[in-house]
Amino acid sequence: MTEAFTFAKKNHLDTSICVMIDMSIPSGKNRLFVYDFQQKKTIISGLCAHGVGGGSTANKPVFSNKVGSNCTSLGKYKVKNRAYSNWGINIHYKMYGLEETNNNAFKRIVVLHSYTPIPNYEIYPQTLFGQSAGCPVISDDKMSQIDRLLIKKKKAVLLWIYN
């Protein structure tokens, strides 16, 4: 978490929380974590779908930054700008890729959003495959919890997708 905090501080992002998504964890297990830098602990965890494109499977995501790939992109993002979503609780947050591996995120319309069929609990060995065109997609309840945090932030928040 030191690297995430240092990155957030250096890039003038919010330094109270960050969102970490570990794509090496199966999609049926919690792999999205909201970390509180002050409390030094995870305050929200939940399921998160990965993109279906590029030959991705339920258990092995393929990553790409290419427009039209329907793949998840690895790397650090700044998350800000709440907007209307057609999915889930009808809220999404824009994601702006900060690295070469994800700098097309905004152009690709990759956003943090919920989708009602995604459960609030681990379903492993079942998976969430088929529920994302590259966006980190989470349950409605987790999105509501995260929205309550993000809506209060003056600065963009770090979201980091890694494998």
C-alpha atoms as a PDB file:
ATOM      1  CA  MET A   1       0.000   0.000   0.000  1.00  0.00           C
ATOM      2  CA  THR A   2       3.011   2.265   0.382  1.00  0.00           C
ATOM      3  CA  GLU A   3       3.463   2.359  -3.400  1.00  0.00           C
ATOM      4  CA  ALA A   4      -0.216   3.275  -3.903  1.00  0.00           C
ATOM      5  CA  PHE A   5      -0.060   6.052  -1.283  1.00  0.00           C
ATOM      6  CA  THR A   6       3.181   7.454  -2.729  1.00  0.00           C
ATOM      7  CA  PHE A   7       1.706   7.410  -6.238  1.00  0.00           C
ATOM      8  CA  ALA A   8      -1.502   9.112  -5.090  1.00  0.00           C
ATOM      9  CA  LYS A   9       0.415  11.828  -3.248  1.00  0.00           C
ATOM     10  CA  LYS A  10       2.874  12.442  -6.111  1.00  0.00           C
ATOM     11  CA  ASN A  11       0.034  12.680  -8.658  1.00  0.00           C
ATOM     12  CA  HIS A  12      -2.172  14.973  -6.540  1.00  0.00           C
ATOM     13  CA  LEU A  13      -4.845  12.321  -6.014  1.00  0.00           C
ATOM     14  CA  ASP A  14      -6.888  11.737  -2.869  1.00  0.00           C
ATOM     15  CA  THR A  15      -4.687  10.322  -0.099  1.00  0.00           C
ATOM     16  CA  SER A  16      -7.401   8.952   2.201  1.00  0.00           C
ATOM     17  CA  ILE A  17      -8.485   5.907   0.144  1.00  0.00           C
ATOM     18  CA  CYS A  18      -7.674   3.922  -2.977  1.00  0.00           C
ATOM     19  CA  VAL A  19      -9.390   1.134  -4.917  1.00  0.00           C
ATOM     20  CA  MET A  20      -7.275  -1.941  -5.657  1.00  0.00           C
ATOM     21  CA  ILE A  21      -8.385  -4.718  -8.029  1.00  0.00           C
ATOM     22  CA  ASP A  22      -6.315  -7.913  -8.050  1.00  0.00           C
ATOM     23  CA  MET A  23      -7.028  -9.748 -11.301  1.00  0.00           C
ATOM     24  CA  SER A  24      -4.940 -12.745 -10.173  1.00  0.00           C
ATOM     25  CA  ILE A  25      -7.811 -13.650  -7.813  1.00  0.00           C
ATOM     26  CA  PRO A  26     -10.673 -15.628  -9.448  1.00  0.00           C
ATOM     27  CA  SER A  27     -13.748 -13.506 -10.297  1.00  0.00           C
ATOM     28  CA  GLY A  28     -15.907 -15.628  -7.977  1.00  0.00           C
ATOM     29  CA  LYS A  29     -13.850 -14.393  -5.007  1.00  0.00           C
ATOM     30  CA  ASN A  30     -13.504 -10.881  -3.639  1.00  0.00           C
ATOM     31  CA  ARG A  31     -10.857  -9.107  -5.697  1.00  0.00           C
ATOM     32  CA  LEU A  32     -11.865  -5.451  -5.381  1.00  0.00           C
ATOM     33  CA  PHE A  33     -10.633  -3.766  -2.227  1.00  0.00           C
ATOM     34  CA  VAL A  34     -11.119  -0.216  -1.004  1.00  0.00           C
ATOM     35  CA  TYR A  35      -8.174   0.560   1.223  1.00  0.00           C
ATOM     36  CA  ASP A  36      -8.200   3.316   3.835  1.00  0.00           C
ATOM     37  CA  PHE A  37      -4.703   4.807   4.126  1.00  0.00           C
ATOM     38  CA  GLN A  38      -5.352   6.387   7.546  1.00  0.00           C
ATOM     39  CA  GLN A  39      -6.817   3.260   9.154  1.00  0.00           C
ATOM     40  CA  LYS A  40      -4.327   1.065   7.249  1.00  0.00           C
ATOM     41  CA  LYS A  41      -6.993  -1.487   6.411  1.00  0.00           C
ATOM     42  CA  THR A  42      -9.471  -2.643   3.771  1.00  0.00           C
ATOM     43  CA  ILE A  43     -12.863  -1.063   4.396  1.00  0.00           C
ATOM     44  CA  ILE A  44     -14.814  -2.553   1.454  1.00  0.00           C
ATOM     45  CA  SER A  45     -14.215  -5.753  -0.504  1.00  0.00           C
ATOM     46  CA  GLY A  46     -16.250  -7.359  -3.238  1.00  0.00           C
ATOM     47  CA  LEU A  47     -16.524  -9.276  -6.474  1.00  0.00           C
ATOM     48  CA  CYS A  48     -15.402  -7.616  -9.715  1.00  0.00           C
ATOM     49  CA  ALA A  49     -15.937  -8.835 -13.278  1.00  0.00           C
ATOM     50  CA  HIS A  50     -13.243  -8.623 -15.984  1.00  0.00           C
ATOM     51  CA  GLY A  51     -13.620  -7.996 -19.711  1.00  0.00           C
ATOM     52  CA  VAL A  52     -14.708 -10.763 -22.081  1.00  0.00           C
ATOM     53  CA  GLY A  53     -12.568  -9.774 -25.081  1.00  0.00           C
ATOM     54  CA  GLY A  54      -9.316 -10.971 -26.591  1.00  0.00           C
ATOM     55  CA  GLY A  55      -9.807 -14.631 -25.769  1.00  0.00           C
ATOM     56  CA  SER A  56     -10.443 -14.031 -22.067  1.00  0.00           C
ATOM     57  CA  THR A  57     -11.997 -16.931 -20.228  1.00  0.00           C
ATOM     58  CA  ALA A  58     -13.839 -17.149 -16.937  1.00  0.00           C
ATOM     59  CA  ASN A  59     -10.597 -18.052 -15.166  1.00  0.00           C
ATOM     60  CA  LYS A  60      -7.963 -16.318 -17.301  1.00  0.00           C
ATOM     61  CA  PRO A  61      -8.447 -12.675 -18.245  1.00  0.00           C
ATOM     62  CA  VAL A  62      -6.657 -11.274 -21.291  1.00  0.00           C
ATOM     63  CA  PHE A  63      -5.657  -7.634 -20.913  1.00  0.00           C
ATOM     64  CA  SER A  64      -5.629  -4.977 -23.615  1.00  0.00           C
ATOM     65  CA  ASN A  65      -5.776  -1.201 -23.970  1.00  0.00           C
ATOM     66  CA  LYS A  66      -7.014  -1.364 -27.569  1.00  0.00           C
ATOM     67  CA  VAL A  67     -10.233   0.436 -28.467  1.00  0.00           C
ATOM     68  CA  GLY A  68     -12.921  -2.163 -29.189  1.00  0.00           C
ATOM     69  CA  SER A  69     -11.067  -4.995 -27.445  1.00  0.00           C
ATOM     70  CA  ASN A  70     -13.649  -5.518 -24.652  1.00  0.00           C
ATOM     71  CA  CYS A  71     -10.683  -6.368 -22.409  1.00  0.00           C
ATOM     72  CA  THR A  72      -9.762  -5.074 -18.992  1.00  0.00           C
ATOM     73  CA  SER A  73      -6.665  -2.854 -18.971  1.00  0.00           C
ATOM     74  CA  LEU A  74      -4.057  -3.127 -16.236  1.00  0.00           C
ATOM     75  CA  GLY A  75      -2.552  -0.103 -14.522  1.00  0.00           C
ATOM     76  CA  LYS A  76      -3.294   2.933 -12.417  1.00  0.00           C
ATOM     77  CA  TYR A  77      -6.310   5.155 -13.076  1.00  0.00           C
ATOM     78  CA  LYS A  78      -7.731   8.286 -11.591  1.00  0.00           C
ATOM     79  CA  VAL A  79     -11.437   7.952 -10.849  1.00  0.00           C
ATOM     80  CA  LYS A  80     -13.645  11.022 -10.792  1.00  0.00           C
ATOM     81  CA  ASN A  81     -16.715  12.567 -12.410  1.00  0.00           C
ATOM     82  CA  ARG A  82     -19.884  10.803 -11.317  1.00  0.00           C
ATOM     83  CA  ALA A  83     -22.376  10.285 -14.118  1.00  0.00           C
ATOM     84  CA  TYR A  84     -25.519   8.404 -15.123  1.00  0.00           C
ATOM     85  CA  SER A  85     -25.181   4.697 -15.938  1.00  0.00           C
ATOM     86  CA  ASN A  86     -27.598   2.422 -17.789  1.00  0.00           C
ATOM     87  CA  TRP A  87     -26.563  -0.399 -15.438  1.00  0.00           C
ATOM     88  CA  GLY A  88     -27.020  -1.299 -11.790  1.00  0.00           C
ATOM     89  CA  ILE A  89     -27.728   1.647  -9.506  1.00  0.00           C
ATOM     90  CA  ASN A  90     -27.523   4.012 -12.516  1.00  0.00           C
ATOM     91  CA  ILE A  91     -24.277   5.642 -11.359  1.00  0.00           C
ATOM     92  CA  HIS A  92     -20.817   5.328 -12.827  1.00  0.00           C
ATOM     93  CA  TYR A  93     -17.475   7.019 -12.335  1.00  0.00           C
ATOM     94  CA  LYS A  94     -15.223   7.943 -15.237  1.00  0.00           C
ATOM     95  CA  MET A  95     -11.809   6.264 -15.307  1.00  0.00           C
ATOM     96  CA  TYR A  96      -8.765   8.022 -16.735  1.00  0.00           C
ATOM     97  CA  GLY A  97      -5.812   5.737 -17.464  1.00  0.00           C
ATOM     98  CA  LEU A  98      -2.500   7.104 -16.203  1.00  0.00           C
ATOM     99  CA  GLU A  99      -0.173   4.588 -17.876  1.00  0.00           C
ATOM    100  CA  GLU A 100       0.610   3.288 -21.348  1.00  0.00           C
ATOM    101  CA  THR A 101      -1.283   0.088 -20.515  1.00  0.00           C
ATOM    102  CA  ASN A 102      -4.574   1.942 -19.914  1.00  0.00           C
ATOM    103  CA  ASN A 103      -4.349   5.417 -21.459  1.00  0.00           C
ATOM    104  CA  ASN A 104      -7.292   4.669 -23.815  1.00  0.00           C
ATOM    105  CA  ALA A 105      -9.697   4.002 -20.906  1.00  0.00           C
ATOM    106  CA  PHE A 106     -11.669   7.235 -21.277  1.00  0.00           C
ATOM    107  CA  LYS A 107     -11.843   6.840 -25.066  1.00  0.00           C
ATOM    108  CA  ARG A 108     -12.988   3.212 -24.579  1.00  0.00           C
ATOM    109  CA  ILE A 109     -15.683   4.367 -22.123  1.00  0.00           C
ATOM    110  CA  VAL A 110     -14.216   2.189 -19.362  1.00  0.00           C
ATOM    111  CA  VAL A 111     -16.002   3.210 -16.160  1.00  0.00           C
ATOM    112  CA  LEU A 112     -16.528   1.886 -12.638  1.00  0.00           C
ATOM    113  CA  HIS A 113     -20.154   0.723 -12.438  1.00  0.00           C
ATOM    114  CA  SER A 114     -22.463  -1.875 -10.951  1.00  0.00           C
ATOM    115  CA  TYR A 115     -24.628  -4.523 -12.562  1.00  0.00           C
ATOM    116  CA  THR A 116     -27.632  -5.883 -10.662  1.00  0.00           C
ATOM    117  CA  PRO A 117     -26.998  -9.639 -11.309  1.00  0.00           C
ATOM    118  CA  ILE A 118     -23.588  -9.480  -9.601  1.00  0.00           C
ATOM    119  CA  PRO A 119     -23.947 -10.903  -6.088  1.00  0.00           C
ATOM    120  CA  ASN A 120     -22.719  -9.336  -2.851  1.00  0.00           C
ATOM    121  CA  TYR A 121     -20.944 -12.471  -1.722  1.00  0.00           C
ATOM    122  CA  GLU A 122     -18.272 -14.819  -2.986  1.00  0.00           C
ATOM    123  CA  ILE A 123     -19.563 -17.467  -5.414  1.00  0.00           C
ATOM    124  CA  TYR A 124     -16.316 -19.335  -6.136  1.00  0.00           C
ATOM    125  CA  PRO A 125     -15.895 -21.764  -7.925  1.00  0.00           C
ATOM    126  CA  GLN A 126     -18.567 -19.999 -10.012  1.00  0.00           C
ATOM    127  CA  THR A 127     -17.395 -16.921 -11.937  1.00  0.00           C
ATOM    128  CA  LEU A 128     -18.704 -13.577 -13.165  1.00  0.00           C
ATOM    129  CA  PHE A 129     -17.639 -14.145 -16.771  1.00  0.00           C
ATOM    130  CA  GLY A 130     -19.715 -12.459 -19.460  1.00  0.00           C
ATOM    131  CA  GLN A 131     -20.635  -9.381 -17.421  1.00  0.00           C
ATOM    132  CA  SER A 132     -18.013  -6.856 -18.564  1.00  0.00           C
ATOM    133  CA  ALA A 133     -16.832  -5.303 -21.823  1.00  0.00           C
ATOM    134  CA  GLY A 134     -13.649  -4.121 -20.064  1.00  0.00           C
ATOM    135  CA  CYS A 135     -15.059  -2.140 -17.142  1.00  0.00           C
ATOM    136  CA  PRO A 136     -14.573  -3.118 -13.515  1.00  0.00           C
ATOM    137  CA  VAL A 137     -18.158  -4.213 -12.797  1.00  0.00           C
ATOM    138  CA  ILE A 138     -19.296  -4.716  -9.197  1.00  0.00           C
ATOM    139  CA  SER A 139     -22.477  -5.439  -7.211  1.00  0.00           C
ATOM    140  CA  ASP A 140     -25.088  -2.744  -6.644  1.00  0.00           C
ATOM    141  CA  ASP A 141     -24.460  -2.794  -2.887  1.00  0.00           C
ATOM    142  CA  LYS A 142     -20.671  -2.392  -3.249  1.00  0.00           C
ATOM    143  CA  MET A 143     -21.222   0.421  -5.780  1.00  0.00           C
ATOM    144  CA  SER A 144     -23.542   2.186  -3.314  1.00  0.00           C
ATOM    145  CA  GLN A 145     -20.892   1.894  -0.582  1.00  0.00           C
ATOM    146  CA  ILE A 146     -18.123   3.161  -2.877  1.00  0.00           C
ATOM    147  CA  ASP A 147     -20.329   5.952  -4.228  1.00  0.00           C
ATOM    148  CA  ARG A 148     -20.906   7.217  -0.662  1.00  0.00           C
ATOM    149  CA  LEU A 149     -17.116   7.577  -0.356  1.00  0.00           C
ATOM    150  CA  LEU A 150     -16.311   8.948  -3.827  1.00  0.00           C
ATOM    151  CA  ILE A 151     -19.103  11.527  -3.933  1.00  0.00           C
ATOM    152  CA  LYS A 152     -17.457  13.411  -1.036  1.00  0.00           C
ATOM    153  CA  LYS A 153     -13.970  13.533  -2.593  1.00  0.00           C
ATOM    154  CA  LYS A 154     -12.597  16.844  -3.876  1.00  0.00           C
ATOM    155  CA  LYS A 155      -9.710  15.093  -5.661  1.00  0.00           C
ATOM    156  CA  ALA A 156      -9.724  12.081  -7.971  1.00  0.00           C
ATOM    157  CA  VAL A 157      -9.139   8.698  -6.301  1.00  0.00           C
ATOM    158  CA  LEU A 158      -6.546   6.135  -7.368  1.00  0.00           C
ATOM    159  CA  LEU A 159      -7.949   2.900  -8.808  1.00  0.00           C
ATOM    160  CA  TRP A 160      -5.254   0.324  -9.561  1.00  0.00           C
ATOM    161  CA  ILE A 161      -5.917  -2.845 -11.560  1.00  0.00           C
ATOM    162  CA  TYR A 162      -3.057  -5.347 -11.366  1.00  0.00           C
ATOM    163  CA  ASN A 163      -2.467  -9.024 -12.007  1.00  0.00           C
END
